[in-house]
PDB file of N, CA and C in Angstrom:
ATOM      1  N   UNK A   1    -210.988  90.902-195.908  1.00  0.00           N
ATOM      2  CA  UNK A   1    -209.971  89.765-195.476  1.00  0.00           C
ATOM      3  C   UNK A   1    -209.048  89.708-196.587  1.00  0.00           C
ATOM      4  N   UNK A   2    -207.704  89.825-196.164  1.00  0.00           N
ATOM      5  CA  UNK A   2    -206.558  89.556-196.825  1.00  0.00           C
ATOM      6  C   UNK A   2    -206.314  88.245-197.210  1.00  0.00           C
ATOM      7  N   UNK A   3    -205.844  87.829-198.330  1.00  0.00           N
ATOM      8  CA  UNK A   3    -205.385  86.674-198.797  1.00  0.00           C
ATOM      9  C   UNK A   3    -204.039  86.299-198.332  1.00  0.00           C
ATOM     10  N   UNK A   4    -203.557  85.169-198.137  1.00  0.00           N
ATOM     11  CA  UNK A   4    -202.178  84.881-197.847  1.00  0.00           C
ATOM     12  C   UNK A   4    -201.815  83.579-198.620  1.00  0.00           C
ATOM     13  N   UNK A   5    -200.605  83.416-198.771  1.00  0.00           N
ATOM     14  CA  UNK A   5    -199.995  82.331-199.508  1.00  0.00           C
ATOM     15  C   UNK A   5    -200.317  81.222-198.792  1.00  0.00           C
ATOM     16  N   UNK A   6    -200.581  80.059-199.332  1.00  0.00           N
ATOM     17  CA  UNK A   6    -201.000  78.856-198.594  1.00  0.00           C
ATOM     18  C   UNK A   6    -199.521  78.272-198.002  1.00  0.00           C
ATOM     19  N   UNK A   7    -199.309  78.140-197.003  1.00  0.00           N
ATOM     20  CA  UNK A   7    -198.272  77.369-196.319  1.00  0.00           C
ATOM     21  C   UNK A   7    -198.686  76.277-195.423  1.00  0.00           C
ATOM     22  N   UNK A   8    -198.137  75.233-195.351  1.00  0.00           N
ATOM     23  CA  UNK A   8    -198.319  74.228-194.560  1.00  0.00           C
ATOM     24  C   UNK A   8    -198.447  74.708-193.086  1.00  0.00           C
ATOM     25  N   UNK A   9    -199.536  74.211-192.347  1.00  0.00           N
ATOM     26  CA  UNK A   9    -199.640  74.610-191.008  1.00  0.00           C
ATOM     27  C   UNK A   9    -198.598  73.885-190.035  1.00  0.00           C
ATOM     28  N   UNK A  10    -197.837  74.802-189.211  1.00  0.00           N
ATOM     29  CA  UNK A  10    -196.911  74.371-188.420  1.00  0.00           C
ATOM     30  C   UNK A  10    -197.415  73.209-187.286  1.00  0.00           C
ATOM     31  N   UNK A  11    -196.658  72.202-187.228  1.00  0.00           N
ATOM     32  CA  UNK A  11    -197.046  71.092-186.419  1.00  0.00           C
ATOM     33  C   UNK A  11    -196.706  71.457-184.888  1.00  0.00           C
ATOM     34  N   UNK A  12    -197.725  71.128-184.104  1.00  0.00           N
ATOM     35  CA  UNK A  12    -197.500  71.394-182.606  1.00  0.00           C
ATOM     36  C   UNK A  12    -196.714  70.311-182.191  1.00  0.00           C
ATOM     37  N   UNK A  13    -195.810  70.530-181.132  1.00  0.00           N
ATOM     38  CA  UNK A  13    -195.073  69.522-180.557  1.00  0.00           C
ATOM     39  C   UNK A  13    -195.927  69.229-179.117  1.00  0.00           C
ATOM     40  N   UNK A  14    -196.499  68.055-179.190  1.00  0.00           N
ATOM     41  CA  UNK A  14    -197.607  67.693-178.091  1.00  0.00           C
ATOM     42  C   UNK A  14    -197.040  66.557-177.140  1.00  0.00           C
ATOM     43  N   UNK A  15    -197.327  66.532-175.833  1.00  0.00           N
ATOM     44  CA  UNK A  15    -196.702  65.604-175.031  1.00  0.00           C
ATOM     45  C   UNK A  15    -197.967  64.694-174.787  1.00  0.00           C
ATOM     46  N   UNK A  16    -197.394  63.356-175.193  1.00  0.00           N
ATOM     47  CA  UNK A  16    -198.568  62.280-174.937  1.00  0.00           C
ATOM     48  C   UNK A  16    -199.259  62.199-173.499  1.00  0.00           C
ATOM     49  N   UNK A  17    -200.405  62.098-173.562  1.00  0.00           N
ATOM     50  CA  UNK A  17    -201.343  61.381-174.541  1.00  0.00           C
ATOM     51  C   UNK A  17    -201.955  62.421-175.630  1.00  0.00           C
ATOM     52  N   UNK A  18    -201.464  63.840-175.634  1.00  0.00           N
ATOM     53  CA  UNK A  18    -202.103  64.579-176.606  1.00  0.00           C
ATOM     54  C   UNK A  18    -201.619  64.252-177.970  1.00  0.00           C
ATOM     55  N   UNK A  19    -202.364  64.779-178.811  1.00  0.00           N
ATOM     56  CA  UNK A  19    -202.028  64.428-180.401  1.00  0.00           C
ATOM     57  C   UNK A  19    -202.033  65.715-180.975  1.00  0.00           C
ATOM     58  N   UNK A  20    -201.071  66.027-182.001  1.00  0.00           N
ATOM     59  CA  UNK A  20    -201.225  67.178-182.848  1.00  0.00           C
ATOM     60  C   UNK A  20    -202.502  67.343-183.766  1.00  0.00           C
ATOM     61  N   UNK A  21    -202.978  68.458-184.048  1.00  0.00           N
ATOM     62  CA  UNK A  21    -204.196  68.679-184.773  1.00  0.00           C
ATOM     63  C   UNK A  21    -204.186  70.046-185.104  1.00  0.00           C
ATOM     64  N   UNK A  22    -205.201  70.448-185.989  1.00  0.00           N
ATOM     65  CA  UNK A  22    -205.480  71.572-186.632  1.00  0.00           C
ATOM     66  C   UNK A  22    -206.899  72.353-186.055  1.00  0.00           C
ATOM     67  N   UNK A  23    -206.772  73.395-185.349  1.00  0.00           N
ATOM     68  CA  UNK A  23    -208.208  73.984-184.989  1.00  0.00           C
ATOM     69  C   UNK A  23    -208.499  74.874-186.104  1.00  0.00           C
ATOM     70  N   UNK A  24    -209.713  74.701-186.747  1.00  0.00           N
ATOM     71  CA  UNK A  24    -210.191  75.595-187.962  1.00  0.00           C
ATOM     72  C   UNK A  24    -211.260  76.478-187.210  1.00  0.00           C
ATOM     73  N   UNK A  25    -211.273  77.828-187.220  1.00  0.00           N
ATOM     74  CA  UNK A  25    -212.276  78.877-186.881  1.00  0.00           C
ATOM     75  C   UNK A  25    -212.895  79.307-188.051  1.00  0.00           C
ATOM     76  N   UNK A  26    -214.148  79.350-188.070  1.00  0.00           N
ATOM     77  CA  UNK A  26    -214.907  80.089-189.116  1.00  0.00           C
ATOM     78  C   UNK A  26    -215.889  80.965-188.551  1.00  0.00           C
ATOM     79  N   UNK A  27    -215.946  82.190-188.855  1.00  0.00           N
ATOM     80  CA  UNK A  27    -216.762  83.267-188.568  1.00  0.00           C
ATOM     81  C   UNK A  27    -217.759  83.589-189.465  1.00  0.00           C
ATOM     82  N   UNK A  28    -219.059  83.504-189.117  1.00  0.00           N
ATOM     83  CA  UNK A  28    -220.179  83.725-190.072  1.00  0.00           C
ATOM     84  C   UNK A  28    -220.961  84.728-189.533  1.00  0.00           C
ATOM     85  N   UNK A  29    -220.695  86.092-190.069  1.00  0.00           N
ATOM     86  CA  UNK A  29    -221.542  87.366-189.914  1.00  0.00           C
ATOM     87  C   UNK A  29    -222.880  86.869-190.253  1.00  0.00           C
ATOM     88  N   UNK A  30    -224.005  87.458-189.354  1.00  0.00           N
ATOM     89  CA  UNK A  30    -225.421  86.989-189.496  1.00  0.00           C
ATOM     90  C   UNK A  30    -226.142  88.056-190.208  1.00  0.00           C
ATOM     91  N   UNK A  31    -225.559  89.267-190.333  1.00  0.00           N
ATOM     92  CA  UNK A  31    -226.069  90.400-191.244  1.00  0.00           C
ATOM     93  C   UNK A  31    -226.149  89.970-192.803  1.00  0.00           C
ATOM     94  N   UNK A  32    -227.377  90.261-193.361  1.00  0.00           N
ATOM     95  CA  UNK A  32    -227.420  90.003-194.805  1.00  0.00           C
ATOM     96  C   UNK A  32    -228.180  90.947-195.490  1.00  0.00           C
ATOM     97  N   UNK A  33    -228.099  91.217-196.978  1.00  0.00           N
ATOM     98  CA  UNK A  33    -228.925  92.142-197.381  1.00  0.00           C
ATOM     99  C   UNK A  33    -230.546  91.854-197.051  1.00  0.00           C
ATOM    100  N   UNK A  34    -230.821  90.850-196.699  1.00  0.00           N
ATOM    101  CA  UNK A  34    -232.261  90.371-196.601  1.00  0.00           C
ATOM    102  C   UNK A  34    -232.590  90.375-195.004  1.00  0.00           C
ATOM    103  N   UNK A  35    -231.646  90.862-194.169  1.00  0.00           N
ATOM    104  CA  UNK A  35    -231.907  90.850-192.638  1.00  0.00           C
ATOM    105  C   UNK A  35    -231.105  89.873-192.084  1.00  0.00           C
ATOM    106  N   UNK A  36    -231.378  89.537-190.714  1.00  0.00           N
ATOM    107  CA  UNK A  36    -230.365  88.688-190.118  1.00  0.00           C
ATOM    108  C   UNK A  36    -230.709  87.161-190.206  1.00  0.00           C
ATOM    109  N   UNK A  37    -229.679  86.383-190.265  1.00  0.00           N
ATOM    110  CA  UNK A  37    -229.735  84.969-190.435  1.00  0.00           C
ATOM    111  C   UNK A  37    -230.536  84.502-189.185  1.00  0.00           C
ATOM    112  N   UNK A  38    -231.624  83.851-189.353  1.00  0.00           N
ATOM    113  CA  UNK A  38    -232.327  83.460-188.326  1.00  0.00           C
ATOM    114  C   UNK A  38    -231.705  82.295-187.455  1.00  0.00           C
ATOM    115  N   UNK A  39    -232.128  81.808-186.418  1.00  0.00           N
ATOM    116  CA  UNK A  39    -231.483  80.599-185.841  1.00  0.00           C
ATOM    117  C   UNK A  39    -232.059  79.381-186.645  1.00  0.00           C
ATOM    118  N   UNK A  40    -233.169  79.379-187.140  1.00  0.00           N
ATOM    119  CA  UNK A  40    -233.677  78.140-187.810  1.00  0.00           C
ATOM    120  C   UNK A  40    -232.849  78.170-189.139  1.00  0.00           C
ATOM    121  N   UNK A  41    -232.581  79.232-189.920  1.00  0.00           N
ATOM    122  CA  UNK A  41    -231.626  79.142-191.022  1.00  0.00           C
ATOM    123  C   UNK A  41    -230.345  78.851-190.765  1.00  0.00           C
ATOM    124  N   UNK A  42    -229.809  79.086-189.867  1.00  0.00           N
ATOM    125  CA  UNK A  42    -228.512  78.727-189.351  1.00  0.00           C
ATOM    126  C   UNK A  42    -228.607  77.185-188.965  1.00  0.00           C
ATOM    127  N   UNK A  43    -229.510  76.687-188.433  1.00  0.00           N
ATOM    128  CA  UNK A  43    -229.611  75.255-188.135  1.00  0.00           C
ATOM    129  C   UNK A  43    -229.624  74.469-189.296  1.00  0.00           C
ATOM    130  N   UNK A  44    -230.486  75.010-190.285  1.00  0.00           N
ATOM    131  CA  UNK A  44    -230.626  74.382-191.437  1.00  0.00           C
ATOM    132  C   UNK A  44    -229.255  74.360-192.434  1.00  0.00           C
ATOM    133  N   UNK A  45    -228.594  75.403-192.226  1.00  0.00           N
ATOM    134  CA  UNK A  45    -227.292  75.593-192.907  1.00  0.00           C
ATOM    135  C   UNK A  45    -226.329  74.429-192.244  1.00  0.00           C
ATOM    136  N   UNK A  46    -226.289  74.469-190.902  1.00  0.00           N
ATOM    137  CA  UNK A  46    -225.468  73.554-190.238  1.00  0.00           C
ATOM    138  C   UNK A  46    -225.568  72.203-190.616  1.00  0.00           C
ATOM    139  N   UNK A  47    -226.970  71.684-190.677  1.00  0.00           N
ATOM    140  CA  UNK A  47    -227.431  70.539-191.059  1.00  0.00           C
ATOM    141  C   UNK A  47    -227.084  70.068-192.336  1.00  0.00           C
ATOM    142  N   UNK A  48    -227.355  70.911-193.316  1.00  0.00           N
ATOM    143  CA  UNK A  48    -227.137  70.686-194.745  1.00  0.00           C
ATOM    144  C   UNK A  48    -225.698  70.819-195.172  1.00  0.00           C
ATOM    145  N   UNK A  49    -224.975  71.829-194.856  1.00  0.00           N
ATOM    146  CA  UNK A  49    -223.595  72.250-195.182  1.00  0.00           C
ATOM    147  C   UNK A  49    -222.397  71.710-194.393  1.00  0.00           C
ATOM    148  N   UNK A  50    -222.521  71.823-193.123  1.00  0.00           N
ATOM    149  CA  UNK A  50    -221.340  71.638-192.165  1.00  0.00           C
ATOM    150  C   UNK A  50    -221.363  70.043-191.588  1.00  0.00           C
ATOM    151  N   UNK A  51    -222.448  69.726-191.049  1.00  0.00           N
ATOM    152  CA  UNK A  51    -222.454  68.418-190.436  1.00  0.00           C
ATOM    153  C   UNK A  51    -222.010  67.245-191.357  1.00  0.00           C
ATOM    154  N   UNK A  52    -222.409  67.223-192.714  1.00  0.00           N
ATOM    155  CA  UNK A  52    -222.111  66.252-193.459  1.00  0.00           C
ATOM    156  C   UNK A  52    -220.692  66.164-193.963  1.00  0.00           C
ATOM    157  N   UNK A  53    -219.948  67.385-193.987  1.00  0.00           N
ATOM    158  CA  UNK A  53    -218.448  67.409-194.281  1.00  0.00           C
ATOM    159  C   UNK A  53    -217.689  67.184-192.766  1.00  0.00           C
ATOM    160  N   UNK A  54    -218.221  67.353-191.699  1.00  0.00           N
ATOM    161  CA  UNK A  54    -217.408  67.150-190.318  1.00  0.00           C
ATOM    162  C   UNK A  54    -218.367  66.424-189.324  1.00  0.00           C
ATOM    163  N   UNK A  55    -218.659  65.226-189.716  1.00  0.00           N
ATOM    164  CA  UNK A  55    -219.666  64.451-188.786  1.00  0.00           C
ATOM    165  C   UNK A  55    -218.909  64.118-187.508  1.00  0.00           C
ATOM    166  N   UNK A  56    -217.788  64.233-187.174  1.00  0.00           N
ATOM    167  CA  UNK A  56    -217.023  63.796-186.120  1.00  0.00           C
ATOM    168  C   UNK A  56    -217.285  64.832-185.016  1.00  0.00           C
ATOM    169  N   UNK A  57    -217.548  65.853-185.120  1.00  0.00           N
ATOM    170  CA  UNK A  57    -217.955  66.826-184.254  1.00  0.00           C
ATOM    171  C   UNK A  57    -217.295  68.240-184.579  1.00  0.00           C
ATOM    172  N   UNK A  58    -217.891  69.187-183.821  1.00  0.00           N
ATOM    173  CA  UNK A  58    -217.801  70.577-184.191  1.00  0.00           C
ATOM    174  C   UNK A  58    -218.489  71.417-182.879  1.00  0.00           C
ATOM    175  N   UNK A  59    -218.131  72.666-182.788  1.00  0.00           N
ATOM    176  CA  UNK A  59    -218.537  73.533-181.766  1.00  0.00           C
ATOM    177  C   UNK A  59    -219.061  74.819-182.456  1.00  0.00           C
ATOM    178  N   UNK A  60    -220.238  75.284-181.909  1.00  0.00           N
ATOM    179  CA  UNK A  60    -220.726  76.655-182.501  1.00  0.00           C
ATOM    180  C   UNK A  60    -220.860  77.628-181.264  1.00  0.00           C
ATOM    181  N   UNK A  61    -220.232  78.758-181.461  1.00  0.00           N
ATOM    182  CA  UNK A  61    -220.342  79.812-180.335  1.00  0.00           C
ATOM    183  C   UNK A  61    -220.959  81.028-180.906  1.00  0.00           C
ATOM    184  N   UNK A  62    -221.866  81.897-179.871  1.00  0.00           N
ATOM    185  CA  UNK A  62    -222.139  82.985-180.416  1.00  0.00           C
ATOM    186  C   UNK A  62    -221.380  84.181-179.953  1.00  0.00           C
ATOM    187  N   UNK A  63    -220.988  84.897-180.932  1.00  0.00           N
ATOM    188  CA  UNK A  63    -219.826  86.038-180.539  1.00  0.00           C
ATOM    189  C   UNK A  63    -220.625  87.312-181.122  1.00  0.00           C
ATOM    190  N   UNK A  64    -220.142  88.336-180.552  1.00  0.00           N
ATOM    191  CA  UNK A  64    -220.332  89.558-181.227  1.00  0.00           C
ATOM    192  C   UNK A  64    -219.311  90.140-182.034  1.00  0.00           C
ATOM    193  N   UNK A  65    -219.625  90.269-183.267  1.00  0.00           N
ATOM    194  CA  UNK A  65    -218.443  90.492-184.308  1.00  0.00           C
ATOM    195  C   UNK A  65    -218.444  92.094-184.742  1.00  0.00           C
ATOM    196  N   UNK A  66    -217.339  92.355-185.110  1.00  0.00           N
ATOM    197  CA  UNK A  66    -217.167  93.777-185.411  1.00  0.00           C
ATOM    198  C   UNK A  66    -216.035  93.662-186.706  1.00  0.00           C
ATOM    199  N   UNK A  67    -216.274  94.800-187.756  1.00  0.00           N
ATOM    200  CA  UNK A  67    -215.178  94.765-188.837  1.00  0.00           C
ATOM    201  C   UNK A  67    -215.334  96.163-189.325  1.00  0.00           C
ATOM    202  N   UNK A  68    -214.320  96.750-190.264  1.00  0.00           N
ATOM    203  CA  UNK A  68    -214.371  97.891-190.723  1.00  0.00           C
ATOM    204  C   UNK A  68    -214.413  97.685-192.290  1.00  0.00           C
ATOM    205  N   UNK A  69    -215.485  98.490-192.843  1.00  0.00           N
ATOM    206  CA  UNK A  69    -215.729  98.446-194.343  1.00  0.00           C
ATOM    207  C   UNK A  69    -214.627  99.391-194.867  1.00  0.00           C
ATOM    208  N   UNK A  70    -214.346  99.221-196.184  1.00  0.00           N
ATOM    209  CA  UNK A  70    -213.618 100.064-197.067  1.00  0.00           C
ATOM    210  C   UNK A  70    -213.686 101.574-196.651  1.00  0.00           C
ATOM    211  N   UNK A  71    -214.931 101.973-196.641  1.00  0.00           N
ATOM    212  CA  UNK A  71    -215.380 103.266-196.328  1.00  0.00           C
ATOM    213  C   UNK A  71    -214.845 103.886-195.123  1.00  0.00           C
ATOM    214  N   UNK A  72    -214.399 102.927-194.129  1.00  0.00           N
ATOM    215  CA  UNK A  72    -214.070 103.414-192.713  1.00  0.00           C
ATOM    216  C   UNK A  72    -215.074 102.990-191.578  1.00  0.00           C
ATOM    217  N   UNK A  73    -216.327 102.833-192.150  1.00  0.00           N
ATOM    218  CA  UNK A  73    -217.545 102.765-191.198  1.00  0.00           C
ATOM    219  C   UNK A  73    -217.239 101.320-190.456  1.00  0.00           C
ATOM    220  N   UNK A  74    -217.409 101.233-189.269  1.00  0.00           N
ATOM    221  CA  UNK A  74    -217.316 100.096-188.189  1.00  0.00           C
ATOM    222  C   UNK A  74    -218.844  99.511-188.199  1.00  0.00           C
ATOM    223  N   UNK A  75    -218.712  98.138-188.648  1.00  0.00           N
ATOM    224  CA  UNK A  75    -220.023  97.451-188.472  1.00  0.00           C
ATOM    225  C   UNK A  75    -220.004  96.546-187.494  1.00  0.00           C
ATOM    226  N   UNK A  76    -221.073  96.239-186.693  1.00  0.00           N
ATOM    227  CA  UNK A  76    -221.098  95.375-185.554  1.00  0.00           C
ATOM    228  C   UNK A  76    -222.099  94.410-186.014  1.00  0.00           C
ATOM    229  N   UNK A  77    -221.971  93.028-185.777  1.00  0.00           N
ATOM    230  CA  UNK A  77    -222.979  92.120-185.926  1.00  0.00           C
ATOM    231  C   UNK A  77    -222.972  90.793-185.177  1.00  0.00           C
ATOM    232  N   UNK A  78    -224.067  90.330-184.880  1.00  0.00           N
ATOM    233  CA  UNK A  78    -223.985  89.025-184.160  1.00  0.00           C
ATOM    234  C   UNK A  78    -223.279  88.016-185.304  1.00  0.00           C
ATOM    235  N   UNK A  79    -222.554  87.114-184.565  1.00  0.00           N
ATOM    236  CA  UNK A  79    -221.768  86.084-185.353  1.00  0.00           C
ATOM    237  C   UNK A  79    -221.879  84.838-184.847  1.00  0.00           C
ATOM    238  N   UNK A  80    -221.731  83.810-185.616  1.00  0.00           N
ATOM    239  CA  UNK A  80    -221.621  82.515-185.357  1.00  0.00           C
ATOM    240  C   UNK A  80    -220.089  81.943-185.751  1.00  0.00           C
ATOM    241  N   UNK A  81    -219.526  81.507-184.486  1.00  0.00           N
ATOM    242  CA  UNK A  81    -218.177  81.101-184.725  1.00  0.00           C
ATOM    243  C   UNK A  81    -218.242  79.449-184.672  1.00  0.00           C
ATOM    244  N   UNK A  82    -217.765  78.977-185.856  1.00  0.00           N
ATOM    245  CA  UNK A  82    -217.735  77.471-185.797  1.00  0.00           C
ATOM    246  C   UNK A  82    -216.159  77.029-185.767  1.00  0.00           C
ATOM    247  N   UNK A  83    -216.199  76.019-184.840  1.00  0.00           N
ATOM    248  CA  UNK A  83    -214.769  75.617-184.300  1.00  0.00           C
ATOM    249  C   UNK A  83    -214.821  74.065-184.529  1.00  0.00           C
ATOM    250  N   UNK A  84    -213.779  73.881-185.409  1.00  0.00           N
ATOM    251  CA  UNK A  84    -213.637  72.254-185.919  1.00  0.00           C
ATOM    252  C   UNK A  84    -212.226  71.958-185.550  1.00  0.00           C
ATOM    253  N   UNK A  85    -211.848  70.907-185.028  1.00  0.00           N
ATOM    254  CA  UNK A  85    -210.544  70.241-184.872  1.00  0.00           C
ATOM    255  C   UNK A  85    -210.341  69.015-185.830  1.00  0.00           C
ATOM    256  N   UNK A  86    -209.398  69.073-186.902  1.00  0.00           N
ATOM    257  CA  UNK A  86    -209.033  68.135-187.870  1.00  0.00           C
ATOM    258  C   UNK A  86    -207.822  67.682-187.546  1.00  0.00           C
ATOM    259  N   UNK A  87    -207.746  66.322-188.127  1.00  0.00           N
ATOM    260  CA  UNK A  87    -206.462  65.502-187.919  1.00  0.00           C
ATOM    261  C   UNK A  87    -206.081  65.178-189.468  1.00  0.00           C
ATOM    262  N   UNK A  88    -206.670  65.545-190.481  1.00  0.00           N
ATOM    263  CA  UNK A  88    -206.511  65.198-191.860  1.00  0.00           C
ATOM    264  C   UNK A  88    -205.855  66.448-192.816  1.00  0.00           C
ATOM    265  N   UNK A  89    -205.313  67.317-191.912  1.00  0.00           N
ATOM    266  CA  UNK A  89    -204.740  68.557-192.781  1.00  0.00           C
ATOM    267  C   UNK A  89    -203.941  67.946-193.862  1.00  0.00           C
ATOM    268  N   UNK A  90    -204.001  68.514-195.123  1.00  0.00           N
ATOM    269  CA  UNK A  90    -204.648  69.658-195.619  1.00  0.00           C
ATOM    270  C   UNK A  90    -206.055  69.187-196.359  1.00  0.00           C
ATOM    271  N   UNK A  91    -206.445  67.765-196.115  1.00  0.00           N
ATOM    272  CA  UNK A  91    -207.558  67.377-196.940  1.00  0.00           C
ATOM    273  C   UNK A  91    -208.939  68.238-196.447  1.00  0.00           C
ATOM    274  N   UNK A  92    -208.765  68.677-195.527  1.00  0.00           N
ATOM    275  CA  UNK A  92    -210.023  69.420-194.918  1.00  0.00           C
ATOM    276  C   UNK A  92    -210.194  70.763-195.547  1.00  0.00           C
ATOM    277  N   UNK A  93    -209.164  71.459-196.417  1.00  0.00           N
ATOM    278  CA  UNK A  93    -209.343  72.383-197.012  1.00  0.00           C
ATOM    279  C   UNK A  93    -210.711  72.807-197.910  1.00  0.00           C
ATOM    280  N   UNK A  94    -210.670  71.696-198.715  1.00  0.00           N
ATOM    281  CA  UNK A  94    -211.899  71.817-199.764  1.00  0.00           C
ATOM    282  C   UNK A  94    -213.111  71.787-199.053  1.00  0.00           C
ATOM    283  N   UNK A  95    -213.295  71.080-197.883  1.00  0.00           N
ATOM    284  CA  UNK A  95    -214.557  71.164-197.080  1.00  0.00           C
ATOM    285  C   UNK A  95    -214.688  72.283-196.496  1.00  0.00           C
ATOM    286  N   UNK A  96    -213.688  73.162-196.199  1.00  0.00           N
ATOM    287  CA  UNK A  96    -213.984  74.376-195.424  1.00  0.00           C
ATOM    288  C   UNK A  96    -214.409  75.527-196.609  1.00  0.00           C
ATOM    289  N   UNK A  97    -213.646  75.466-197.602  1.00  0.00           N
ATOM    290  CA  UNK A  97    -214.071  76.279-198.916  1.00  0.00           C
ATOM    291  C   UNK A  97    -215.468  75.979-199.349  1.00  0.00           C
ATOM    292  N   UNK A  98    -216.028  74.787-199.320  1.00  0.00           N
ATOM    293  CA  UNK A  98    -217.242  74.615-199.585  1.00  0.00           C
ATOM    294  C   UNK A  98    -218.305  75.031-198.568  1.00  0.00           C
ATOM    295  N   UNK A  99    -218.013  75.025-197.303  1.00  0.00           N
ATOM    296  CA  UNK A  99    -218.866  75.422-196.479  1.00  0.00           C
ATOM    297  C   UNK A  99    -219.054  77.204-196.535  1.00  0.00           C
ATOM    298  N   UNK A 100    -217.819  77.725-196.622  1.00  0.00           N
ATOM    299  CA  UNK A 100    -217.720  79.077-196.715  1.00  0.00           C
ATOM    300  C   UNK A 100    -218.605  79.587-197.952  1.00  0.00           C
ATOM    301  N   UNK A 101    -218.299  78.891-199.168  1.00  0.00           N
ATOM    302  CA  UNK A 101    -219.030  79.225-200.277  1.00  0.00           C
ATOM    303  C   UNK A 101    -220.382  79.028-200.273  1.00  0.00           C
ATOM    304  N   UNK A 102    -220.822  77.974-199.638  1.00  0.00           N
ATOM    305  CA  UNK A 102    -222.285  77.639-199.402  1.00  0.00           C
ATOM    306  C   UNK A 102    -223.118  78.757-198.659  1.00  0.00           C
ATOM    307  N   UNK A 103    -222.539  79.190-197.432  1.00  0.00           N
ATOM    308  CA  UNK A 103    -222.946  80.231-196.722  1.00  0.00           C
ATOM    309  C   UNK A 103    -222.944  81.527-197.548  1.00  0.00           C
ATOM    310  N   UNK A 104    -222.092  81.929-198.091  1.00  0.00           N
ATOM    311  CA  UNK A 104    -222.010  83.243-199.139  1.00  0.00           C
ATOM    312  C   UNK A 104    -223.120  82.956-200.017  1.00  0.00           C
ATOM    313  N   UNK A 105    -223.212  82.065-200.529  1.00  0.00           N
ATOM    314  CA  UNK A 105    -224.480  81.718-201.640  1.00  0.00           C
ATOM    315  C   UNK A 105    -225.746  81.808-201.030  1.00  0.00           C
ATOM    316  N   UNK A 106    -226.002  81.116-200.058  1.00  0.00           N
ATOM    317  CA  UNK A 106    -227.149  80.905-199.393  1.00  0.00           C
ATOM    318  C   UNK A 106    -227.693  82.264-198.752  1.00  0.00           C
ATOM    319  N   UNK A 107    -226.624  83.096-198.099  1.00  0.00           N
ATOM    320  CA  UNK A 107    -227.233  84.219-197.352  1.00  0.00           C
ATOM    321  C   UNK A 107    -226.639  85.417-197.794  1.00  0.00           C
ATOM    322  N   UNK A 108    -225.978  85.325-198.878  1.00  0.00           N
ATOM    323  CA  UNK A 108    -225.649  86.603-199.647  1.00  0.00           C
ATOM    324  C   UNK A 108    -224.600  87.553-199.079  1.00  0.00           C
ATOM    325  N   UNK A 109    -223.638  86.685-198.374  1.00  0.00           N
ATOM    326  CA  UNK A 109    -222.595  87.176-197.615  1.00  0.00           C
ATOM    327  C   UNK A 109    -221.448  87.327-198.673  1.00  0.00           C
ATOM    328  N   UNK A 110    -220.424  88.326-198.503  1.00  0.00           N
ATOM    329  CA  UNK A 110    -219.299  88.290-199.273  1.00  0.00           C
ATOM    330  C   UNK A 110    -217.938  87.590-198.605  1.00  0.00           C
ATOM    331  N   UNK A 111    -217.952  87.353-197.476  1.00  0.00           N
ATOM    332  CA  UNK A 111    -216.856  86.763-196.927  1.00  0.00           C
ATOM    333  C   UNK A 111    -217.359  85.828-195.590  1.00  0.00           C
ATOM    334  N   UNK A 112    -216.485  84.911-195.347  1.00  0.00           N
ATOM    335  CA  UNK A 112    -216.482  84.257-194.129  1.00  0.00           C
ATOM    336  C   UNK A 112    -215.025  84.378-193.483  1.00  0.00           C
ATOM    337  N   UNK A 113    -214.689  84.794-192.353  1.00  0.00           N
ATOM    338  CA  UNK A 113    -213.384  85.000-191.968  1.00  0.00           C
ATOM    339  C   UNK A 113    -212.972  83.653-191.342  1.00  0.00           C
ATOM    340  N   UNK A 114    -211.625  83.101-191.599  1.00  0.00           N
ATOM    341  CA  UNK A 114    -211.128  81.786-191.661  1.00  0.00           C
ATOM    342  C   UNK A 114    -209.930  81.992-190.889  1.00  0.00           C
ATOM    343  N   UNK A 115    -209.485  81.105-189.725  1.00  0.00           N
ATOM    344  CA  UNK A 115    -208.528  81.180-188.927  1.00  0.00           C
ATOM    345  C   UNK A 115    -208.120  79.662-188.672  1.00  0.00           C
ATOM    346  N   UNK A 116    -206.877  79.332-188.828  1.00  0.00           N
ATOM    347  CA  UNK A 116    -206.381  77.992-188.408  1.00  0.00           C
ATOM    348  C   UNK A 116    -205.068  78.155-187.420  1.00  0.00           C
ATOM    349  N   UNK A 117    -204.964  77.258-186.962  1.00  0.00           N
ATOM    350  CA  UNK A 117    -203.893  77.277-185.805  1.00  0.00           C
ATOM    351  C   UNK A 117    -203.587  75.723-185.275  1.00  0.00           C
ATOM    352  N   UNK A 118    -202.176  75.388-185.120  1.00  0.00           N
ATOM    353  CA  UNK A 118    -201.884  73.949-184.687  1.00  0.00           C
ATOM    354  C   UNK A 118    -202.155  74.003-183.233  1.00  0.00           C
ATOM    355  N   UNK A 119    -202.782  72.823-182.766  1.00  0.00           N
ATOM    356  CA  UNK A 119    -203.090  72.544-181.337  1.00  0.00           C
ATOM    357  C   UNK A 119    -202.874  71.162-180.899  1.00  0.00           C
ATOM    358  N   UNK A 120    -202.786  70.866-179.538  1.00  0.00           N
ATOM    359  CA  UNK A 120    -202.496  69.445-179.136  1.00  0.00           C
ATOM    360  C   UNK A 120    -204.022  69.136-178.610  1.00  0.00           C
ATOM    361  N   UNK A 121    -204.355  67.967-178.755  1.00  0.00           N
ATOM    362  CA  UNK A 121    -205.669  67.426-178.188  1.00  0.00           C
ATOM    363  C   UNK A 121    -205.959  66.343-177.706  1.00  0.00           C
ATOM    364  N   UNK A 122    -206.792  66.185-176.846  1.00  0.00           N
ATOM    365  CA  UNK A 122    -206.937  64.836-176.097  1.00  0.00           C
ATOM    366  C   UNK A 122    -208.091  65.046-175.226  1.00  0.00           C
ATOM    367  N   UNK A 123    -208.672  63.939-174.747  1.00  0.00           N
ATOM    368  CA  UNK A 123    -209.791  63.778-173.585  1.00  0.00           C
ATOM    369  C   UNK A 123    -209.347  63.777-172.340  1.00  0.00           C
ATOM    370  N   UNK A 124    -210.075  64.193-171.509  1.00  0.00           N
ATOM    371  CA  UNK A 124    -209.933  64.224-170.063  1.00  0.00           C
ATOM    372  C   UNK A 124    -211.294  63.406-169.457  1.00  0.00           C
ATOM    373  N   UNK A 125    -210.775  62.616-168.625  1.00  0.00           N
ATOM    374  CA  UNK A 125    -211.963  61.713-168.080  1.00  0.00           C
ATOM    375  C   UNK A 125    -212.163  61.987-166.437  1.00  0.00           C
TER     376      UNK A 125
END
């Protein structure tokens, strides 16, 4: 994953009652040097590292991941996609770095793929 210079996220222009926010997507590959991250291990990681940092809410989706290693080999793996919507940008950045670092340390991963985008959010009843 390439690094990019940090720039402020563009602010979405939202029509009330929607409000501008930032959607943070983190992709956690489950293949590790010791085997696949189990559902129990993932649940423990979520409880220990993610929920305390973002207690207001989040979503986790199961996705089929794929990436290319520097050697050219295509690697496919089951992946957890963590989606968090934040209203406190850029204060969320340290929390996101801590989560990615915690996953790398706990499961021997080299990277966690990270995507951010401006969104408009609200609730529908």
